[in-house]
């Protein structure tokens, strides 16, 4: 995995983990390819935690052009991919690893989060 280049908000840096979200090389390449498909270089991959799902919290991954106050930003793939986490989600995602798998059984992004105490049977949410 490549080492991320991290910038964090000037305020409330005590709550932010120095590791943040880690994007694997395959995940960074997939995000880079999806951005190329969109034809936009102003988008970032926003990773957030939202209330919902069987276990209480669920992940949201989407492209976003907004920059919110307190966002933690990390760059991957030589700066071509930016991962943005909002201030409220940072504690839930500190140290989380995002990978992309493409096998005969499964295709998509996976999140290995050391902060998740458990997840539901369907794997769509955590607590």
N, C-alpha and C. Protein backbone atom coordinates (compact mmCIF):
# COMPACT_ATOMS: atom_id res chain seq x y z
N UNK A 1 0.84 -1.17 0.00
CA UNK A 1 0.00 0.00 0.00
C UNK A 1 0.88 1.23 0.00
N UNK A 2 0.44 2.23 -0.69
CA UNK A 2 1.20 3.47 -0.72
C UNK A 2 0.88 4.29 0.51
N UNK A 3 1.86 5.05 0.96
CA UNK A 3 1.65 5.90 2.12
C UNK A 3 0.83 7.11 1.70
N UNK A 4 -0.20 7.45 2.49
CA UNK A 4 -1.03 8.58 2.13
C UNK A 4 -0.34 9.89 2.46
N UNK A 5 -0.69 10.93 1.72
CA UNK A 5 -0.31 12.28 2.07
C UNK A 5 -1.52 12.85 2.78
N UNK A 6 -1.34 13.29 4.03
CA UNK A 6 -2.48 13.67 4.84
C UNK A 6 -2.48 15.15 5.16
N UNK A 7 -3.65 15.75 5.06
CA UNK A 7 -3.87 17.08 5.61
C UNK A 7 -5.09 16.96 6.49
N UNK A 8 -5.03 17.54 7.66
CA UNK A 8 -6.17 17.48 8.56
C UNK A 8 -6.54 18.89 8.97
N UNK A 9 -7.73 19.05 9.51
CA UNK A 9 -8.19 20.38 9.88
C UNK A 9 -7.26 21.00 10.92
N UNK A 10 -7.12 22.30 10.87
CA UNK A 10 -6.28 23.01 11.82
C UNK A 10 -6.85 22.92 13.23
N UNK A 11 -8.17 22.87 13.34
CA UNK A 11 -8.81 22.77 14.64
C UNK A 11 -9.18 21.33 14.89
N UNK A 12 -9.23 20.96 16.15
CA UNK A 12 -9.68 19.63 16.57
C UNK A 12 -8.79 18.51 16.00
N UNK A 13 -7.48 18.74 15.95
CA UNK A 13 -6.58 17.71 15.45
C UNK A 13 -6.36 16.61 16.47
N UNK A 14 -6.69 16.85 17.74
CA UNK A 14 -6.50 15.83 18.75
C UNK A 14 -7.40 14.63 18.50
N UNK A 15 -8.60 14.86 17.93
CA UNK A 15 -9.53 13.76 17.68
C UNK A 15 -9.17 12.98 16.43
N UNK A 16 -8.37 13.55 15.56
CA UNK A 16 -8.03 12.89 14.30
C UNK A 16 -6.87 11.92 14.52
N UNK A 17 -6.98 10.78 13.90
CA UNK A 17 -5.91 9.80 13.97
C UNK A 17 -4.84 10.17 12.95
N UNK A 18 -3.57 9.96 13.28
CA UNK A 18 -2.54 10.25 12.29
C UNK A 18 -2.61 9.29 11.11
N UNK A 19 -3.25 8.13 11.27
CA UNK A 19 -3.35 7.16 10.20
C UNK A 19 -4.52 7.49 9.28
N UNK A 20 -5.66 7.82 9.83
CA UNK A 20 -6.85 8.11 9.02
C UNK A 20 -7.30 6.89 8.27
N UNK A 21 -7.93 7.11 7.13
CA UNK A 21 -8.40 6.02 6.26
C UNK A 21 -7.25 5.63 5.34
N UNK A 22 -7.04 4.32 5.22
CA UNK A 22 -5.98 3.81 4.34
C UNK A 22 -6.63 3.19 3.11
N UNK A 23 -6.23 3.66 1.96
CA UNK A 23 -6.74 3.15 0.69
C UNK A 23 -5.68 2.24 0.08
N UNK A 24 -6.04 0.99 -0.19
CA UNK A 24 -5.09 0.06 -0.79
C UNK A 24 -4.79 0.48 -2.22
N UNK A 25 -3.71 -0.04 -2.77
CA UNK A 25 -3.36 0.28 -4.16
C UNK A 25 -4.47 -0.12 -5.14
N UNK A 26 -5.05 -1.34 -5.01
CA UNK A 26 -6.14 -1.69 -5.93
C UNK A 26 -7.36 -0.76 -5.79
N UNK A 27 -7.66 -0.34 -4.56
CA UNK A 27 -8.78 0.57 -4.35
C UNK A 27 -8.48 1.94 -4.95
N UNK A 28 -7.26 2.42 -4.77
CA UNK A 28 -6.87 3.72 -5.34
C UNK A 28 -6.94 3.68 -6.86
N UNK A 29 -6.50 2.57 -7.46
CA UNK A 29 -6.56 2.45 -8.91
C UNK A 29 -7.99 2.39 -9.41
N UNK A 30 -8.87 1.71 -8.68
CA UNK A 30 -10.28 1.64 -9.08
C UNK A 30 -10.94 3.02 -8.98
N UNK A 31 -10.65 3.74 -7.90
CA UNK A 31 -11.20 5.09 -7.75
C UNK A 31 -10.69 5.98 -8.87
N UNK A 32 -9.41 5.86 -9.18
CA UNK A 32 -8.81 6.65 -10.27
C UNK A 32 -9.51 6.35 -11.59
N UNK A 33 -9.79 5.07 -11.86
CA UNK A 33 -10.48 4.68 -13.10
C UNK A 33 -11.91 5.22 -13.12
N UNK A 34 -12.60 5.18 -11.98
CA UNK A 34 -13.97 5.69 -11.91
C UNK A 34 -13.99 7.20 -12.12
N UNK A 35 -13.00 7.90 -11.57
CA UNK A 35 -12.90 9.34 -11.78
C UNK A 35 -12.65 9.66 -13.25
N UNK A 36 -11.82 8.85 -13.90
CA UNK A 36 -11.56 9.05 -15.33
C UNK A 36 -12.85 8.85 -16.13
N UNK A 37 -13.65 7.85 -15.73
CA UNK A 37 -14.94 7.62 -16.39
C UNK A 37 -15.86 8.82 -16.25
N UNK A 38 -15.84 9.45 -15.08
CA UNK A 38 -16.66 10.63 -14.83
C UNK A 38 -16.16 11.82 -15.62
N UNK A 39 -14.87 11.81 -15.96
CA UNK A 39 -14.29 12.91 -16.71
C UNK A 39 -14.10 14.17 -15.90
N UNK A 40 -13.98 13.99 -14.57
CA UNK A 40 -13.81 15.16 -13.70
C UNK A 40 -12.64 14.91 -12.76
N UNK A 41 -11.83 15.94 -12.60
CA UNK A 41 -10.70 15.81 -11.68
C UNK A 41 -10.90 16.64 -10.41
N UNK A 42 -12.11 17.22 -10.26
CA UNK A 42 -12.40 18.03 -9.08
C UNK A 42 -13.15 17.24 -8.01
N UNK A 43 -13.37 15.96 -8.23
CA UNK A 43 -14.11 15.13 -7.28
C UNK A 43 -13.17 14.39 -6.34
N UNK A 44 -13.65 14.17 -5.13
CA UNK A 44 -12.92 13.37 -4.15
C UNK A 44 -13.82 12.23 -3.71
N UNK A 45 -13.21 11.14 -3.24
CA UNK A 45 -13.98 10.04 -2.68
C UNK A 45 -14.29 10.40 -1.23
N UNK A 46 -15.55 10.65 -0.95
CA UNK A 46 -15.95 10.96 0.41
C UNK A 46 -16.37 9.66 1.09
N UNK A 47 -15.79 9.43 2.27
CA UNK A 47 -16.12 8.26 3.09
C UNK A 47 -16.74 8.80 4.37
N UNK A 48 -17.95 8.34 4.67
CA UNK A 48 -18.66 8.85 5.84
C UNK A 48 -19.35 7.71 6.57
N UNK A 49 -19.67 7.98 7.81
CA UNK A 49 -20.45 7.07 8.63
C UNK A 49 -21.79 7.75 8.88
N UNK A 50 -22.87 7.03 8.58
CA UNK A 50 -24.23 7.56 8.74
C UNK A 50 -25.04 6.63 9.63
N UNK A 51 -26.01 7.17 10.38
CA UNK A 51 -26.91 6.29 11.13
C UNK A 51 -27.72 5.44 10.16
N UNK A 52 -27.95 4.18 10.52
CA UNK A 52 -28.78 3.32 9.69
C UNK A 52 -28.31 1.89 9.69
N UNK A 53 -29.04 1.05 9.03
CA UNK A 53 -28.70 -0.37 8.94
C UNK A 53 -29.12 -1.13 10.17
N UNK A 54 -28.92 -2.43 10.15
CA UNK A 54 -29.32 -3.32 11.24
C UNK A 54 -28.55 -3.05 12.53
N UNK A 55 -27.28 -2.66 12.41
CA UNK A 55 -26.43 -2.50 13.59
C UNK A 55 -26.29 -1.06 14.05
N UNK A 56 -26.90 -0.12 13.37
CA UNK A 56 -26.90 1.26 13.84
C UNK A 56 -26.10 2.24 13.01
N UNK A 57 -25.01 1.81 12.38
CA UNK A 57 -24.19 2.70 11.56
C UNK A 57 -23.88 2.03 10.23
N UNK A 58 -23.78 2.83 9.19
CA UNK A 58 -23.43 2.27 7.88
C UNK A 58 -22.45 3.21 7.19
N UNK A 59 -21.69 2.64 6.27
CA UNK A 59 -20.71 3.41 5.52
C UNK A 59 -21.35 4.03 4.29
N UNK A 60 -20.87 5.20 3.93
CA UNK A 60 -21.26 5.87 2.70
C UNK A 60 -19.98 6.18 1.93
N UNK A 61 -19.89 5.75 0.69
CA UNK A 61 -18.77 6.09 -0.20
C UNK A 61 -19.39 6.72 -1.44
N UNK A 62 -18.95 7.94 -1.75
CA UNK A 62 -19.47 8.61 -2.94
C UNK A 62 -18.50 9.69 -3.37
N UNK A 63 -18.61 10.09 -4.62
CA UNK A 63 -17.79 11.19 -5.13
C UNK A 63 -18.45 12.50 -4.73
N UNK A 64 -17.61 13.44 -4.30
CA UNK A 64 -18.12 14.71 -3.82
C UNK A 64 -17.20 15.83 -4.28
N UNK A 65 -17.81 16.93 -4.66
CA UNK A 65 -17.02 18.09 -5.07
C UNK A 65 -16.93 19.12 -3.95
N UNK A 66 -17.71 18.91 -2.90
CA UNK A 66 -17.74 19.87 -1.79
C UNK A 66 -16.52 19.74 -0.89
N UNK A 67 -16.22 20.81 -0.22
CA UNK A 67 -15.20 20.83 0.82
C UNK A 67 -15.87 21.37 2.06
N UNK A 68 -15.97 20.53 3.09
CA UNK A 68 -16.66 20.92 4.31
C UNK A 68 -15.66 21.33 5.38
N UNK A 69 -16.07 22.22 6.25
CA UNK A 69 -15.23 22.66 7.35
C UNK A 69 -14.88 21.46 8.23
N UNK A 70 -13.61 21.25 8.47
CA UNK A 70 -13.18 20.16 9.33
C UNK A 70 -12.89 18.86 8.61
N UNK A 71 -13.00 18.83 7.28
CA UNK A 71 -12.69 17.61 6.51
C UNK A 71 -11.24 17.19 6.71
N UNK A 72 -11.02 15.89 6.84
CA UNK A 72 -9.67 15.32 6.81
C UNK A 72 -9.47 14.79 5.40
N UNK A 73 -8.37 15.18 4.76
CA UNK A 73 -8.12 14.84 3.36
C UNK A 73 -6.81 14.09 3.25
N UNK A 74 -6.84 12.99 2.49
CA UNK A 74 -5.63 12.22 2.19
C UNK A 74 -5.56 12.01 0.69
N UNK A 75 -4.33 12.03 0.16
CA UNK A 75 -4.13 11.84 -1.27
C UNK A 75 -3.43 10.52 -1.55
N UNK A 76 -3.85 9.87 -2.65
CA UNK A 76 -3.29 8.60 -3.08
C UNK A 76 -3.03 8.66 -4.57
N UNK A 77 -2.38 7.64 -5.10
CA UNK A 77 -2.11 7.51 -6.54
C UNK A 77 -1.45 8.77 -7.07
N UNK A 78 -0.39 9.18 -6.39
CA UNK A 78 0.38 10.37 -6.77
C UNK A 78 -0.50 11.62 -6.87
N UNK A 79 -1.45 11.74 -5.96
CA UNK A 79 -2.30 12.92 -5.91
C UNK A 79 -3.53 12.88 -6.79
N UNK A 80 -3.69 11.82 -7.59
CA UNK A 80 -4.83 11.72 -8.49
C UNK A 80 -6.13 11.38 -7.76
N UNK A 81 -6.00 10.79 -6.56
CA UNK A 81 -7.17 10.37 -5.78
C UNK A 81 -7.10 11.05 -4.42
N UNK A 82 -8.19 11.73 -4.08
CA UNK A 82 -8.31 12.33 -2.75
C UNK A 82 -9.43 11.61 -1.99
N UNK A 83 -9.13 11.25 -0.73
CA UNK A 83 -10.12 10.65 0.15
C UNK A 83 -10.44 11.68 1.22
N UNK A 84 -11.74 11.97 1.37
CA UNK A 84 -12.19 13.00 2.28
C UNK A 84 -13.10 12.36 3.33
N UNK A 85 -12.86 12.70 4.60
CA UNK A 85 -13.69 12.21 5.70
C UNK A 85 -14.15 13.41 6.50
N UNK A 86 -15.46 13.51 6.74
CA UNK A 86 -15.98 14.64 7.50
C UNK A 86 -15.59 14.52 8.97
N UNK A 87 -15.62 15.63 9.66
CA UNK A 87 -15.16 15.71 11.04
C UNK A 87 -15.87 14.73 11.97
N UNK A 88 -17.17 14.50 11.77
CA UNK A 88 -17.92 13.60 12.65
C UNK A 88 -17.57 12.13 12.41
N UNK A 89 -17.16 11.79 11.19
CA UNK A 89 -16.85 10.40 10.85
C UNK A 89 -15.41 10.01 11.18
N UNK A 90 -14.52 11.00 11.35
CA UNK A 90 -13.10 10.71 11.57
C UNK A 90 -12.87 9.71 12.71
N UNK A 91 -13.49 9.89 13.89
CA UNK A 91 -13.21 8.92 14.96
C UNK A 91 -13.67 7.49 14.65
N UNK A 92 -14.73 7.36 13.87
CA UNK A 92 -15.25 6.04 13.52
C UNK A 92 -14.40 5.35 12.45
N UNK A 93 -13.65 6.13 11.68
CA UNK A 93 -12.92 5.58 10.54
C UNK A 93 -11.40 5.59 10.70
N UNK A 94 -10.91 6.06 11.84
CA UNK A 94 -9.46 6.12 12.06
C UNK A 94 -8.85 4.73 11.95
N UNK A 95 -7.94 4.54 11.03
CA UNK A 95 -7.27 3.26 10.84
C UNK A 95 -8.02 2.28 9.95
N UNK A 96 -9.18 2.69 9.43
CA UNK A 96 -9.96 1.80 8.55
C UNK A 96 -9.21 1.62 7.23
N UNK A 97 -9.25 0.40 6.70
CA UNK A 97 -8.59 0.09 5.43
C UNK A 97 -9.65 -0.21 4.38
N UNK A 98 -9.58 0.52 3.27
CA UNK A 98 -10.51 0.31 2.16
C UNK A 98 -9.75 -0.40 1.05
N UNK A 99 -10.31 -1.51 0.60
CA UNK A 99 -9.71 -2.29 -0.47
C UNK A 99 -10.75 -2.48 -1.57
N UNK A 100 -10.29 -2.89 -2.74
CA UNK A 100 -11.20 -3.24 -3.83
C UNK A 100 -10.90 -4.67 -4.23
N UNK A 101 -11.93 -5.51 -4.22
CA UNK A 101 -11.77 -6.91 -4.62
C UNK A 101 -12.56 -7.16 -5.90
N UNK A 102 -11.98 -8.00 -6.74
CA UNK A 102 -12.63 -8.36 -8.00
C UNK A 102 -12.37 -9.83 -8.24
N UNK A 103 -13.24 -10.66 -7.65
CA UNK A 103 -13.11 -12.10 -7.78
C UNK A 103 -14.40 -12.65 -8.38
N UNK A 104 -14.41 -13.94 -8.62
CA UNK A 104 -15.61 -14.58 -9.15
C UNK A 104 -16.74 -14.55 -8.12
N UNK A 105 -16.39 -14.49 -6.84
CA UNK A 105 -17.39 -14.48 -5.78
C UNK A 105 -17.90 -13.10 -5.43
N UNK A 106 -17.04 -12.09 -5.59
CA UNK A 106 -17.39 -10.77 -5.08
C UNK A 106 -16.65 -9.69 -5.84
N UNK A 107 -17.31 -8.57 -6.07
CA UNK A 107 -16.66 -7.41 -6.65
C UNK A 107 -17.14 -6.18 -5.92
N UNK A 108 -16.20 -5.35 -5.51
CA UNK A 108 -16.56 -4.10 -4.86
C UNK A 108 -15.56 -3.68 -3.82
N UNK A 109 -15.88 -2.57 -3.19
CA UNK A 109 -15.03 -2.05 -2.13
C UNK A 109 -15.35 -2.75 -0.83
N UNK A 110 -14.31 -3.02 -0.06
CA UNK A 110 -14.47 -3.60 1.27
C UNK A 110 -13.83 -2.66 2.27
N UNK A 111 -14.37 -2.64 3.48
CA UNK A 111 -13.83 -1.79 4.53
C UNK A 111 -13.53 -2.65 5.74
N UNK A 112 -12.26 -2.64 6.15
CA UNK A 112 -11.82 -3.33 7.36
C UNK A 112 -11.60 -2.25 8.41
N UNK A 113 -12.53 -2.15 9.36
CA UNK A 113 -12.51 -1.07 10.33
C UNK A 113 -12.23 -1.60 11.73
N UNK A 114 -11.07 -1.24 12.31
CA UNK A 114 -10.75 -1.72 13.65
C UNK A 114 -11.64 -1.10 14.72
N UNK A 115 -12.39 -0.06 14.40
CA UNK A 115 -13.26 0.60 15.37
C UNK A 115 -14.65 -0.03 15.45
N UNK A 116 -14.97 -0.90 14.51
CA UNK A 116 -16.29 -1.54 14.50
C UNK A 116 -16.32 -2.66 15.54
N UNK A 117 -17.26 -2.56 16.46
CA UNK A 117 -17.40 -3.58 17.50
C UNK A 117 -18.04 -4.85 16.97
N UNK A 118 -18.77 -4.75 15.90
CA UNK A 118 -19.44 -5.89 15.29
C UNK A 118 -20.25 -5.39 14.12
N UNK A 119 -20.77 -6.33 13.34
CA UNK A 119 -21.57 -5.95 12.18
C UNK A 119 -22.78 -6.86 12.10
N UNK A 120 -23.71 -6.48 11.26
CA UNK A 120 -24.90 -7.29 11.06
C UNK A 120 -24.59 -8.47 10.14
N UNK A 121 -25.52 -9.38 10.03
CA UNK A 121 -25.29 -10.58 9.22
C UNK A 121 -25.11 -10.26 7.75
N UNK A 122 -25.76 -9.22 7.27
CA UNK A 122 -25.64 -8.88 5.85
C UNK A 122 -24.35 -8.11 5.57
N UNK A 123 -23.66 -7.62 6.61
CA UNK A 123 -22.41 -6.91 6.43
C UNK A 123 -22.53 -5.48 5.96
N UNK A 124 -23.75 -4.95 5.93
CA UNK A 124 -23.97 -3.58 5.44
C UNK A 124 -23.85 -2.52 6.51
N UNK A 125 -23.87 -2.91 7.78
CA UNK A 125 -23.78 -1.91 8.83
C UNK A 125 -22.95 -2.46 9.99
N UNK A 126 -22.60 -1.57 10.93
CA UNK A 126 -21.74 -1.95 12.05
C UNK A 126 -22.12 -1.14 13.28
N UNK A 127 -21.52 -1.53 14.40
CA UNK A 127 -21.67 -0.75 15.64
C UNK A 127 -20.34 -0.67 16.37
